Amino acid sequence: MPEAATATLSVYDVTGKVVTVRNIDAIKGLNSEVFTKDQLGVSGVLYYTLVSGDFTATKKMIIVE
């Protein structure tokens, strides 16, 4: 993050269904969030979107059993 701010991290499955949403108080610099397999409840390809102010980024992740 370029500066400290609140952010919303949303995780979606391949059909676009929301799996989970977290509101984060991010600090300036590198931030991380840890999800367990039980929290997500699915495996395979998932997408996550981070929104903070005018910034939005969507990336892909793979959950392997």
N, C-alpha and C. Protein backbone atom coordinates (compact mmCIF):
# COMPACT_ATOMS: atom_id res chain seq x y z
N MET A 1 0.84 -1.17 0.00
CA MET A 1 0.00 0.00 0.00
C MET A 1 0.90 1.24 0.00
N PRO A 2 0.55 2.21 -0.81
CA PRO A 2 1.35 3.43 -0.83
C PRO A 2 1.22 4.26 0.44
N GLU A 3 0.10 4.10 1.15
CA GLU A 3 -0.10 4.79 2.42
C GLU A 3 -1.10 4.00 3.26
N ALA A 4 -1.14 4.24 4.56
CA ALA A 4 -2.07 3.54 5.44
C ALA A 4 -3.50 3.94 5.10
N ALA A 5 -4.39 2.93 5.02
CA ALA A 5 -5.79 3.19 4.68
C ALA A 5 -6.60 1.94 4.96
N THR A 6 -7.90 2.10 4.97
CA THR A 6 -8.76 0.92 5.06
C THR A 6 -8.92 0.35 3.67
N ALA A 7 -9.07 -0.96 3.60
CA ALA A 7 -9.20 -1.64 2.32
C ALA A 7 -10.19 -2.78 2.48
N THR A 8 -10.77 -3.19 1.37
CA THR A 8 -11.69 -4.32 1.35
C THR A 8 -11.09 -5.40 0.46
N LEU A 9 -10.97 -6.61 0.99
CA LEU A 9 -10.44 -7.75 0.26
C LEU A 9 -11.58 -8.74 0.06
N SER A 10 -11.97 -8.96 -1.18
CA SER A 10 -13.07 -9.87 -1.51
C SER A 10 -12.51 -11.06 -2.28
N VAL A 11 -12.96 -12.27 -1.94
CA VAL A 11 -12.54 -13.48 -2.62
C VAL A 11 -13.74 -14.08 -3.34
N TYR A 12 -13.54 -14.44 -4.62
CA TYR A 12 -14.60 -14.97 -5.47
C TYR A 12 -14.20 -16.32 -6.05
N ASP A 13 -15.18 -17.17 -6.31
CA ASP A 13 -14.89 -18.40 -7.04
C ASP A 13 -14.97 -18.12 -8.53
N VAL A 14 -14.76 -19.14 -9.37
CA VAL A 14 -14.71 -18.93 -10.82
C VAL A 14 -16.05 -18.53 -11.41
N THR A 15 -17.14 -18.77 -10.70
CA THR A 15 -18.46 -18.36 -11.20
C THR A 15 -18.80 -16.93 -10.80
N GLY A 16 -17.95 -16.30 -9.99
CA GLY A 16 -18.19 -14.94 -9.55
C GLY A 16 -18.90 -14.83 -8.22
N LYS A 17 -19.17 -15.98 -7.59
CA LYS A 17 -19.83 -15.99 -6.28
C LYS A 17 -18.83 -15.53 -5.21
N VAL A 18 -19.28 -14.64 -4.32
CA VAL A 18 -18.43 -14.15 -3.24
C VAL A 18 -18.23 -15.27 -2.22
N VAL A 19 -16.97 -15.59 -1.94
CA VAL A 19 -16.63 -16.62 -0.96
C VAL A 19 -16.47 -15.99 0.42
N THR A 20 -15.74 -14.87 0.49
CA THR A 20 -15.55 -14.17 1.75
C THR A 20 -15.14 -12.72 1.47
N VAL A 21 -15.40 -11.85 2.43
CA VAL A 21 -15.00 -10.45 2.35
C VAL A 21 -14.38 -10.06 3.68
N ARG A 22 -13.25 -9.36 3.61
CA ARG A 22 -12.60 -8.86 4.82
C ARG A 22 -12.33 -7.37 4.67
N ASN A 23 -12.59 -6.63 5.73
CA ASN A 23 -12.22 -5.23 5.80
C ASN A 23 -10.91 -5.15 6.56
N ILE A 24 -9.94 -4.47 5.98
CA ILE A 24 -8.58 -4.47 6.50
C ILE A 24 -8.15 -3.05 6.82
N ASP A 25 -7.49 -2.86 7.94
CA ASP A 25 -6.82 -1.60 8.25
C ASP A 25 -5.37 -1.77 7.83
N ALA A 26 -5.09 -1.45 6.57
CA ALA A 26 -3.77 -1.69 5.99
C ALA A 26 -2.79 -0.61 6.42
N ILE A 27 -1.55 -1.02 6.58
CA ILE A 27 -0.48 -0.09 6.90
C ILE A 27 0.28 0.24 5.61
N LYS A 28 1.08 1.30 5.66
CA LYS A 28 1.90 1.64 4.51
C LYS A 28 2.92 0.54 4.27
N GLY A 29 3.05 0.09 3.04
CA GLY A 29 4.00 -0.96 2.71
C GLY A 29 3.31 -2.29 2.45
N LEU A 30 4.01 -3.36 2.75
CA LEU A 30 3.54 -4.71 2.47
C LEU A 30 2.58 -5.19 3.56
N ASN A 31 1.44 -5.71 3.16
CA ASN A 31 0.44 -6.27 4.06
C ASN A 31 0.15 -7.70 3.62
N SER A 32 -0.31 -8.53 4.54
CA SER A 32 -0.69 -9.90 4.15
C SER A 32 -1.91 -10.32 4.94
N GLU A 33 -2.68 -11.20 4.35
CA GLU A 33 -3.85 -11.80 4.98
C GLU A 33 -3.74 -13.30 4.81
N VAL A 34 -4.05 -14.04 5.84
CA VAL A 34 -3.97 -15.50 5.79
C VAL A 34 -5.38 -16.07 5.85
N PHE A 35 -5.66 -16.96 4.91
CA PHE A 35 -6.93 -17.67 4.87
C PHE A 35 -6.64 -19.15 5.04
N THR A 36 -7.48 -19.83 5.81
CA THR A 36 -7.36 -21.27 5.91
C THR A 36 -8.32 -21.92 4.91
N LYS A 37 -8.07 -23.18 4.61
CA LYS A 37 -8.95 -23.91 3.70
C LYS A 37 -10.36 -23.97 4.26
N ASP A 38 -10.48 -24.07 5.59
CA ASP A 38 -11.81 -24.12 6.22
C ASP A 38 -12.55 -22.79 6.06
N GLN A 39 -11.84 -21.69 6.11
CA GLN A 39 -12.48 -20.38 5.95
C GLN A 39 -13.00 -20.19 4.53
N LEU A 40 -12.26 -20.68 3.55
CA LEU A 40 -12.68 -20.51 2.17
C LEU A 40 -13.70 -21.56 1.75
N GLY A 41 -13.55 -22.78 2.23
CA GLY A 41 -14.53 -23.82 1.97
C GLY A 41 -14.49 -24.39 0.57
N VAL A 42 -13.57 -23.96 -0.27
CA VAL A 42 -13.46 -24.46 -1.64
C VAL A 42 -11.99 -24.65 -1.98
N SER A 43 -11.74 -25.37 -3.05
CA SER A 43 -10.38 -25.49 -3.55
C SER A 43 -10.42 -25.22 -5.05
N GLY A 44 -9.26 -25.04 -5.64
CA GLY A 44 -9.18 -24.73 -7.06
C GLY A 44 -8.79 -23.27 -7.27
N VAL A 45 -9.23 -22.71 -8.39
CA VAL A 45 -8.89 -21.34 -8.74
C VAL A 45 -9.88 -20.37 -8.10
N LEU A 46 -9.34 -19.37 -7.42
CA LEU A 46 -10.14 -18.30 -6.83
C LEU A 46 -9.55 -16.97 -7.26
N TYR A 47 -10.35 -15.94 -7.25
CA TYR A 47 -9.91 -14.59 -7.57
C TYR A 47 -10.12 -13.71 -6.35
N TYR A 48 -9.23 -12.75 -6.16
CA TYR A 48 -9.42 -11.80 -5.06
C TYR A 48 -9.27 -10.38 -5.59
N THR A 49 -10.05 -9.50 -5.00
CA THR A 49 -10.03 -8.09 -5.38
C THR A 49 -9.75 -7.25 -4.14
N LEU A 50 -8.78 -6.37 -4.26
CA LEU A 50 -8.44 -5.44 -3.19
C LEU A 50 -8.86 -4.05 -3.64
N VAL A 51 -9.69 -3.41 -2.82
CA VAL A 51 -10.17 -2.06 -3.11
C VAL A 51 -9.81 -1.14 -1.95
N SER A 52 -9.13 -0.04 -2.28
CA SER A 52 -8.77 0.96 -1.27
C SER A 52 -8.78 2.32 -1.94
N GLY A 53 -9.76 3.13 -1.61
CA GLY A 53 -9.87 4.44 -2.23
C GLY A 53 -10.06 4.31 -3.73
N ASP A 54 -9.17 4.93 -4.51
CA ASP A 54 -9.23 4.86 -5.97
C ASP A 54 -8.50 3.64 -6.53
N PHE A 55 -7.82 2.89 -5.68
CA PHE A 55 -7.03 1.75 -6.13
C PHE A 55 -7.86 0.47 -6.11
N THR A 56 -7.81 -0.29 -7.20
CA THR A 56 -8.46 -1.60 -7.28
C THR A 56 -7.53 -2.56 -8.00
N ALA A 57 -7.33 -3.76 -7.44
CA ALA A 57 -6.51 -4.78 -8.09
C ALA A 57 -7.20 -6.13 -7.94
N THR A 58 -7.21 -6.90 -9.02
CA THR A 58 -7.77 -8.24 -9.01
C THR A 58 -6.68 -9.22 -9.44
N LYS A 59 -6.51 -10.26 -8.66
CA LYS A 59 -5.51 -11.28 -8.95
C LYS A 59 -6.11 -12.67 -8.78
N LYS A 60 -5.37 -13.67 -9.23
CA LYS A 60 -5.81 -15.05 -9.18
C LYS A 60 -4.97 -15.81 -8.16
N MET A 61 -5.59 -16.77 -7.47
CA MET A 61 -4.85 -17.66 -6.57
C MET A 61 -5.37 -19.06 -6.75
N ILE A 62 -4.54 -20.04 -6.41
CA ILE A 62 -4.93 -21.44 -6.53
C ILE A 62 -4.83 -22.08 -5.16
N ILE A 63 -5.93 -22.73 -4.74
CA ILE A 63 -5.97 -23.44 -3.47
C ILE A 63 -5.79 -24.91 -3.78
N VAL A 64 -4.73 -25.50 -3.24
CA VAL A 64 -4.38 -26.89 -3.50
C VAL A 64 -4.62 -27.70 -2.24
N GLU A 65 -5.24 -28.86 -2.39
CA GLU A 65 -5.45 -29.73 -1.23
C GLU A 65 -4.28 -30.62 -1.01
